[in-house]
Every structure is written in C-alpha cells, then in structure tokens.
Amino acid sequence: MPQEFSVGVIVFNNDKFLLLKYKRGHWGFVKGIAEPNETKEEVANREAKEEAGLFDLFFVKGFEEKEEYFYKKDGQTIHKEVIYLLAETRMEYVKLSEEHVGFDWFNYEDAMRRLSFKQTKDVLEKAQEFLRQK
C-alpha cells in the first residue's frame, strides 16, 4: 500500500487559530508532503509560505502530534501520516494558494466547530491544552 508522510502546522496568532478551506470542502490546517532530507520545521515553514503566505513562524518547543488516515487517489488506497507542529505568527494577512478556497482565524471553540475531521479536532484539542500549560 502506498504511504505518504506530511507535516502540518497549527498556526496561531494571539488566541486565534488559522484554518484553511480546501477545494473538497473540508477545513484543516496548513500541511504538505515532506521532501527528502527536509526537517519537520522546514516542511512546516515551506508549506506555511506556499499555502498561506506566512513566513514568520515561531515553533512551540515540545509539541508534536500524529494523525493517520487512509484516502483514495487514482483508485489506490493511500496510508497517510501527518505530524503536526505548533507555531505562533505575528502575521494576520493570509495569501492563499490555489489549493484552497478560503481561510479564517478562529478562536478555539469556533475552530473546533469548523474543523471537518475528528482526528484533526483531537490534534487541536491537544494543542490548546499544551498552550494552557505553558
């Protein structure tokens, strides 16, 4: 079975989290496929810049959560693993890539309502708890 490895980043600014709306209609975080020899932070920085125009991420040390799922692509089932990091930005302006059709900054409660998938909600819940303990 084909495997994909991606890195995602939960981007926050003050008390708001950035969510992107994907062309298929679901809401989620910045994420992308890791290229050979890239660190997780390099993937997260590249994807934040490509997908949202963000270039000043400050990573929160000690946070890393994994999400795994299966999806279909060209008739094949793909096993995907996403490692999420947590990063703060001072930027509010977002410039979307063509991969997305919308975005917004949401407080935690609204982000939980807007996120499309349970696993992604679980990751945000862990990020929020991690931030509360800091």
N, C-alpha and C. Protein backbone atom coordinates (compact mmCIF):
# COMPACT_ATOMS: atom_id res chain seq x y z
N MET A 1 0.85 -1.18 0.00
CA MET A 1 0.00 0.00 0.00
C MET A 1 0.90 1.24 0.00
N PRO A 2 0.62 2.18 -0.88
CA PRO A 2 1.42 3.41 -0.90
C PRO A 2 1.29 4.21 0.40
N GLN A 3 2.39 4.86 0.78
CA GLN A 3 2.45 5.65 2.01
C GLN A 3 2.77 7.10 1.65
N GLU A 4 2.21 8.02 2.42
CA GLU A 4 2.56 9.44 2.30
C GLU A 4 2.90 9.94 3.69
N PHE A 5 3.92 10.78 3.76
CA PHE A 5 4.29 11.42 5.03
C PHE A 5 4.22 12.92 4.83
N SER A 6 3.44 13.58 5.67
CA SER A 6 3.29 15.03 5.60
C SER A 6 3.58 15.65 6.96
N VAL A 7 3.83 16.94 6.91
CA VAL A 7 3.97 17.73 8.13
C VAL A 7 2.93 18.83 8.07
N GLY A 8 2.22 19.01 9.16
CA GLY A 8 1.25 20.08 9.27
C GLY A 8 1.67 21.03 10.37
N VAL A 9 1.07 22.20 10.36
CA VAL A 9 1.38 23.16 11.41
C VAL A 9 0.11 23.85 11.85
N ILE A 10 -0.10 23.83 13.15
CA ILE A 10 -1.22 24.56 13.74
C ILE A 10 -0.69 25.95 14.03
N VAL A 11 -1.14 26.90 13.22
CA VAL A 11 -0.66 28.28 13.32
C VAL A 11 -1.64 29.08 14.17
N PHE A 12 -1.09 29.82 15.14
CA PHE A 12 -1.95 30.67 15.95
C PHE A 12 -1.37 32.07 16.05
N ASN A 13 -2.27 33.02 16.27
CA ASN A 13 -1.92 34.43 16.45
C ASN A 13 -2.81 34.93 17.57
N ASN A 14 -2.20 35.30 18.68
CA ASN A 14 -2.95 35.64 19.90
C ASN A 14 -3.81 34.44 20.26
N ASP A 15 -5.10 34.59 20.34
CA ASP A 15 -5.98 33.48 20.72
C ASP A 15 -6.73 32.90 19.53
N LYS A 16 -6.22 33.09 18.33
CA LYS A 16 -6.92 32.61 17.12
C LYS A 16 -6.05 31.61 16.37
N PHE A 17 -6.72 30.62 15.80
CA PHE A 17 -6.05 29.59 15.01
C PHE A 17 -6.42 29.76 13.54
N LEU A 18 -5.43 29.56 12.67
CA LEU A 18 -5.66 29.66 11.24
C LEU A 18 -6.18 28.33 10.70
N LEU A 19 -7.32 28.39 10.03
CA LEU A 19 -7.86 27.23 9.33
C LEU A 19 -7.98 27.57 7.86
N LEU A 20 -7.68 26.59 7.02
CA LEU A 20 -7.80 26.74 5.57
C LEU A 20 -8.94 25.87 5.07
N LYS A 21 -9.67 26.40 4.10
CA LYS A 21 -10.73 25.61 3.48
C LYS A 21 -10.20 25.03 2.18
N TYR A 22 -10.21 23.72 2.11
CA TYR A 22 -9.71 23.00 0.95
C TYR A 22 -10.76 22.93 -0.15
N LYS A 23 -10.32 22.73 -1.38
CA LYS A 23 -11.24 22.69 -2.52
C LYS A 23 -12.32 21.63 -2.38
N ARG A 24 -12.01 20.54 -1.69
CA ARG A 24 -13.01 19.47 -1.50
C ARG A 24 -14.04 19.84 -0.45
N GLY A 25 -13.88 21.00 0.20
CA GLY A 25 -14.89 21.49 1.11
C GLY A 25 -14.57 21.37 2.59
N HIS A 26 -13.54 20.63 2.93
CA HIS A 26 -13.23 20.46 4.36
C HIS A 26 -12.28 21.57 4.84
N TRP A 27 -12.28 21.76 6.15
CA TRP A 27 -11.42 22.74 6.80
C TRP A 27 -10.31 22.00 7.53
N GLY A 28 -9.10 22.57 7.50
CA GLY A 28 -7.98 21.96 8.19
C GLY A 28 -6.84 22.95 8.35
N PHE A 29 -5.69 22.40 8.69
CA PHE A 29 -4.50 23.20 8.94
C PHE A 29 -3.59 23.20 7.72
N VAL A 30 -2.61 24.07 7.74
CA VAL A 30 -1.54 24.06 6.75
C VAL A 30 -0.84 22.70 6.85
N LYS A 31 -0.62 22.06 5.70
CA LYS A 31 0.15 20.81 5.72
C LYS A 31 0.61 20.49 4.30
N GLY A 32 1.65 19.68 4.24
CA GLY A 32 2.16 19.28 2.95
C GLY A 32 3.12 18.13 3.05
N ILE A 33 3.37 17.51 1.92
CA ILE A 33 4.23 16.34 1.85
C ILE A 33 5.69 16.75 2.08
N ALA A 34 6.35 15.97 2.91
CA ALA A 34 7.77 16.22 3.20
C ALA A 34 8.61 15.77 2.01
N GLU A 35 9.59 16.59 1.68
CA GLU A 35 10.53 16.25 0.62
C GLU A 35 11.75 15.62 1.27
N PRO A 36 12.51 14.82 0.50
CA PRO A 36 13.69 14.15 1.07
C PRO A 36 14.63 15.15 1.76
N ASN A 37 15.12 14.74 2.91
CA ASN A 37 16.12 15.49 3.69
C ASN A 37 15.60 16.77 4.31
N GLU A 38 14.29 17.04 4.28
CA GLU A 38 13.74 18.22 4.96
C GLU A 38 13.44 17.88 6.41
N THR A 39 13.71 18.80 7.31
CA THR A 39 13.29 18.63 8.69
C THR A 39 11.80 18.95 8.78
N LYS A 40 11.17 18.58 9.87
CA LYS A 40 9.75 18.88 10.05
C LYS A 40 9.52 20.39 10.03
N GLU A 41 10.41 21.14 10.67
CA GLU A 41 10.26 22.60 10.70
C GLU A 41 10.42 23.20 9.31
N GLU A 42 11.32 22.65 8.51
CA GLU A 42 11.49 23.14 7.14
C GLU A 42 10.24 22.90 6.30
N VAL A 43 9.64 21.72 6.45
CA VAL A 43 8.40 21.42 5.72
C VAL A 43 7.31 22.40 6.17
N ALA A 44 7.16 22.57 7.48
CA ALA A 44 6.12 23.46 8.02
C ALA A 44 6.32 24.89 7.53
N ASN A 45 7.55 25.37 7.55
CA ASN A 45 7.82 26.73 7.05
C ASN A 45 7.52 26.85 5.57
N ARG A 46 7.95 25.87 4.78
CA ARG A 46 7.70 25.90 3.33
C ARG A 46 6.20 25.89 3.04
N GLU A 47 5.48 25.01 3.69
CA GLU A 47 4.05 24.90 3.43
C GLU A 47 3.29 26.14 3.90
N ALA A 48 3.68 26.71 5.05
CA ALA A 48 3.02 27.92 5.54
C ALA A 48 3.20 29.06 4.54
N LYS A 49 4.39 29.14 3.97
CA LYS A 49 4.65 30.19 2.98
C LYS A 49 3.89 29.93 1.69
N GLU A 50 3.92 28.67 1.20
CA GLU A 50 3.25 28.32 -0.06
C GLU A 50 1.73 28.42 0.05
N GLU A 51 1.16 27.91 1.14
CA GLU A 51 -0.29 27.80 1.25
C GLU A 51 -0.96 29.05 1.81
N ALA A 52 -0.22 29.81 2.63
CA ALA A 52 -0.87 30.94 3.31
C ALA A 52 -0.07 32.24 3.27
N GLY A 53 1.11 32.22 2.65
CA GLY A 53 1.92 33.42 2.58
C GLY A 53 2.56 33.82 3.90
N LEU A 54 2.61 32.90 4.85
CA LEU A 54 3.19 33.19 6.17
C LEU A 54 4.67 32.82 6.18
N PHE A 55 5.49 33.70 6.72
CA PHE A 55 6.93 33.44 6.71
C PHE A 55 7.61 33.75 8.04
N ASP A 56 6.85 33.89 9.09
CA ASP A 56 7.48 34.20 10.39
C ASP A 56 6.98 33.29 11.50
N LEU A 57 7.10 32.00 11.30
CA LEU A 57 6.62 31.05 12.31
C LEU A 57 7.62 30.92 13.45
N PHE A 58 7.08 30.91 14.67
CA PHE A 58 7.87 30.67 15.88
C PHE A 58 7.35 29.38 16.49
N PHE A 59 8.11 28.31 16.36
CA PHE A 59 7.65 27.00 16.79
C PHE A 59 7.63 26.88 18.31
N VAL A 60 6.57 26.25 18.82
CA VAL A 60 6.44 25.99 20.25
C VAL A 60 7.13 24.66 20.51
N LYS A 61 8.21 24.73 21.25
CA LYS A 61 9.00 23.52 21.53
C LYS A 61 8.21 22.53 22.38
N GLY A 62 8.38 21.25 22.03
CA GLY A 62 7.79 20.19 22.83
C GLY A 62 6.44 19.70 22.34
N PHE A 63 5.86 20.36 21.32
CA PHE A 63 4.56 19.91 20.81
C PHE A 63 4.76 19.18 19.49
N GLU A 64 4.23 17.97 19.43
CA GLU A 64 4.22 17.19 18.20
C GLU A 64 3.13 16.14 18.34
N GLU A 65 2.20 16.14 17.41
CA GLU A 65 1.10 15.17 17.43
C GLU A 65 0.96 14.52 16.05
N LYS A 66 0.55 13.25 16.06
CA LYS A 66 0.43 12.50 14.82
C LYS A 66 -1.03 12.20 14.50
N GLU A 67 -1.34 12.26 13.22
CA GLU A 67 -2.66 11.90 12.69
C GLU A 67 -2.40 10.89 11.56
N GLU A 68 -3.19 9.84 11.53
CA GLU A 68 -3.08 8.84 10.46
C GLU A 68 -4.45 8.59 9.87
N TYR A 69 -4.47 8.43 8.56
CA TYR A 69 -5.74 8.10 7.90
C TYR A 69 -5.46 7.49 6.53
N PHE A 70 -6.51 7.01 5.91
CA PHE A 70 -6.44 6.44 4.57
C PHE A 70 -7.30 7.28 3.65
N TYR A 71 -6.88 7.39 2.40
CA TYR A 71 -7.71 8.07 1.40
C TYR A 71 -7.45 7.43 0.04
N LYS A 72 -8.33 7.69 -0.88
CA LYS A 72 -8.23 7.14 -2.23
C LYS A 72 -7.67 8.18 -3.19
N LYS A 73 -6.75 7.73 -4.04
CA LYS A 73 -6.17 8.59 -5.07
C LYS A 73 -5.93 7.73 -6.30
N ASP A 74 -6.53 8.12 -7.39
CA ASP A 74 -6.38 7.37 -8.65
C ASP A 74 -6.69 5.89 -8.46
N GLY A 75 -7.73 5.59 -7.67
CA GLY A 75 -8.17 4.22 -7.46
C GLY A 75 -7.35 3.44 -6.45
N GLN A 76 -6.30 4.06 -5.90
CA GLN A 76 -5.47 3.37 -4.91
C GLN A 76 -5.77 3.91 -3.52
N THR A 77 -5.67 3.03 -2.53
CA THR A 77 -5.78 3.45 -1.14
C THR A 77 -4.40 3.87 -0.66
N ILE A 78 -4.32 5.07 -0.11
CA ILE A 78 -3.07 5.63 0.39
C ILE A 78 -3.14 5.72 1.91
N HIS A 79 -2.09 5.27 2.58
CA HIS A 79 -1.96 5.46 4.02
C HIS A 79 -1.18 6.75 4.23
N LYS A 80 -1.77 7.70 4.95
CA LYS A 80 -1.13 8.99 5.16
C LYS A 80 -0.88 9.19 6.65
N GLU A 81 0.32 9.66 6.94
CA GLU A 81 0.69 10.02 8.31
C GLU A 81 1.07 11.50 8.29
N VAL A 82 0.49 12.26 9.20
CA VAL A 82 0.78 13.70 9.31
C VAL A 82 1.29 13.98 10.72
N ILE A 83 2.45 14.60 10.81
CA ILE A 83 2.99 15.07 12.09
C ILE A 83 2.68 16.56 12.16
N TYR A 84 1.99 16.96 13.23
CA TYR A 84 1.65 18.37 13.42
C TYR A 84 2.58 19.03 14.43
N LEU A 85 3.03 20.20 14.05
CA LEU A 85 3.78 21.08 14.94
C LEU A 85 2.88 22.24 15.31
N LEU A 86 3.30 23.02 16.27
CA LEU A 86 2.53 24.17 16.74
C LEU A 86 3.41 25.40 16.59
N ALA A 87 2.88 26.45 15.98
CA ALA A 87 3.70 27.64 15.75
C ALA A 87 2.87 28.91 15.87
N GLU A 88 3.52 29.92 16.42
CA GLU A 88 2.90 31.24 16.53
C GLU A 88 3.38 32.12 15.38
N THR A 89 2.53 33.02 14.95
CA THR A 89 2.91 34.02 13.97
C THR A 89 2.40 35.37 14.44
N ARG A 90 3.06 36.41 13.99
CA ARG A 90 2.58 37.77 14.26
C ARG A 90 1.78 38.29 13.07
N MET A 91 1.86 37.55 11.97
CA MET A 91 1.17 37.96 10.74
C MET A 91 -0.32 37.65 10.86
N GLU A 92 -1.14 38.52 10.31
CA GLU A 92 -2.58 38.27 10.24
C GLU A 92 -3.03 38.13 8.79
N TYR A 93 -2.31 38.80 7.89
CA TYR A 93 -2.66 38.75 6.47
C TYR A 93 -2.29 37.38 5.91
N VAL A 94 -3.22 36.77 5.21
CA VAL A 94 -3.01 35.46 4.60
C VAL A 94 -3.20 35.59 3.10
N LYS A 95 -2.27 35.02 2.35
CA LYS A 95 -2.38 34.97 0.89
C LYS A 95 -2.49 33.50 0.51
N LEU A 96 -3.70 33.08 0.15
CA LEU A 96 -3.97 31.67 -0.13
C LEU A 96 -3.33 31.20 -1.44
N SER A 97 -2.95 29.93 -1.42
CA SER A 97 -2.51 29.27 -2.65
C SER A 97 -3.76 28.82 -3.43
N GLU A 98 -3.53 28.31 -4.61
CA GLU A 98 -4.64 27.80 -5.42
C GLU A 98 -5.23 26.50 -4.86
N GLU A 99 -4.56 25.90 -3.89
CA GLU A 99 -5.05 24.66 -3.27
C GLU A 99 -6.28 24.90 -2.41
N HIS A 100 -6.49 26.15 -2.01
CA HIS A 100 -7.53 26.46 -1.03
C HIS A 100 -8.52 27.47 -1.58
N VAL A 101 -9.72 27.44 -1.00
CA VAL A 101 -10.77 28.35 -1.44
C VAL A 101 -11.19 29.33 -0.35
N GLY A 102 -10.60 29.22 0.82
CA GLY A 102 -10.94 30.13 1.90
C GLY A 102 -10.06 29.91 3.11
N PHE A 103 -10.15 30.85 4.04
CA PHE A 103 -9.42 30.76 5.29
C PHE A 103 -10.11 31.67 6.29
N ASP A 104 -9.77 31.48 7.55
CA ASP A 104 -10.18 32.42 8.58
C ASP A 104 -9.38 32.12 9.83
N TRP A 105 -9.33 33.11 10.71
CA TRP A 105 -8.74 32.96 12.04
C TRP A 105 -9.89 32.73 13.00
N PHE A 106 -9.85 31.63 13.74
CA PHE A 106 -10.94 31.25 14.64
C PHE A 106 -10.44 31.12 16.07
N ASN A 107 -11.30 31.53 17.03
CA ASN A 107 -10.97 31.18 18.40
C ASN A 107 -11.10 29.66 18.54
N TYR A 108 -10.66 29.13 19.65
CA TYR A 108 -10.63 27.67 19.82
C TYR A 108 -11.99 27.02 19.60
N GLU A 109 -13.02 27.55 20.24
CA GLU A 109 -14.35 26.94 20.15
C GLU A 109 -14.87 26.95 18.72
N ASP A 110 -14.71 28.06 18.03
CA ASP A 110 -15.18 28.14 16.64
C ASP A 110 -14.35 27.25 15.72
N ALA A 111 -13.05 27.16 15.99
CA ALA A 111 -12.20 26.27 15.19
C ALA A 111 -12.64 24.82 15.37
N MET A 112 -12.96 24.43 16.58
CA MET A 112 -13.42 23.06 16.82
C MET A 112 -14.71 22.77 16.07
N ARG A 113 -15.60 23.75 16.01
CA ARG A 113 -16.85 23.57 15.26
C ARG A 113 -16.60 23.50 13.75
N ARG A 114 -15.61 24.24 13.28
CA ARG A 114 -15.37 24.35 11.84
C ARG A 114 -14.55 23.18 11.28
N LEU A 115 -13.63 22.64 12.08
CA LEU A 115 -12.81 21.54 11.58
C LEU A 115 -13.68 20.38 11.15
N SER A 116 -13.28 19.72 10.08
CA SER A 116 -14.13 18.71 9.46
C SER A 116 -13.95 17.31 10.02
N PHE A 117 -12.76 16.97 10.50
CA PHE A 117 -12.48 15.59 10.87
C PHE A 117 -12.14 15.46 12.35
N LYS A 118 -12.60 14.36 12.95
CA LYS A 118 -12.40 14.13 14.38
C LYS A 118 -10.92 14.11 14.75
N GLN A 119 -10.10 13.44 13.97
CA GLN A 119 -8.67 13.37 14.31
C GLN A 119 -8.04 14.76 14.33
N THR A 120 -8.44 15.60 13.41
CA THR A 120 -7.90 16.96 13.36
C THR A 120 -8.38 17.75 14.58
N LYS A 121 -9.62 17.54 14.97
CA LYS A 121 -10.14 18.18 16.19
C LYS A 121 -9.35 17.71 17.41
N ASP A 122 -9.02 16.42 17.46
CA ASP A 122 -8.24 15.89 18.57
C ASP A 122 -6.86 16.56 18.64
N VAL A 123 -6.25 16.79 17.49
CA VAL A 123 -4.94 17.46 17.45
C VAL A 123 -5.06 18.89 17.97
N LEU A 124 -6.10 19.60 17.56
CA LEU A 124 -6.30 20.97 18.04
C LEU A 124 -6.55 20.98 19.55
N GLU A 125 -7.33 20.03 20.04
CA GLU A 125 -7.59 19.95 21.47
C GLU A 125 -6.28 19.77 22.25
N LYS A 126 -5.39 18.91 21.75
CA LYS A 126 -4.10 18.70 22.41
C LYS A 126 -3.24 19.96 22.34
N ALA A 127 -3.30 20.67 21.21
CA ALA A 127 -2.54 21.92 21.08
C ALA A 127 -3.04 22.96 22.07
N GLN A 128 -4.35 23.08 22.20
CA GLN A 128 -4.93 24.05 23.13
C GLN A 128 -4.53 23.73 24.57
N GLU A 129 -4.58 22.46 24.92
CA GLU A 129 -4.20 22.04 26.27
C GLU A 129 -2.71 22.32 26.50
N PHE A 130 -1.89 22.06 25.51
CA PHE A 130 -0.45 22.32 25.61
C PHE A 130 -0.20 23.81 25.85
N LEU A 131 -0.91 24.66 25.11
CA LEU A 131 -0.75 26.11 25.28
C LEU A 131 -1.21 26.58 26.65
N ARG A 132 -2.28 25.98 27.18
CA ARG A 132 -2.77 26.34 28.50
C ARG A 132 -1.75 26.04 29.59
N GLN A 133 -0.98 24.98 29.40
CA GLN A 133 0.00 24.56 30.40
C GLN A 133 1.29 25.36 30.34
N LYS A 134 1.47 26.13 29.30
CA LYS A 134 2.72 26.91 29.13
C LYS A 134 2.69 28.15 29.99
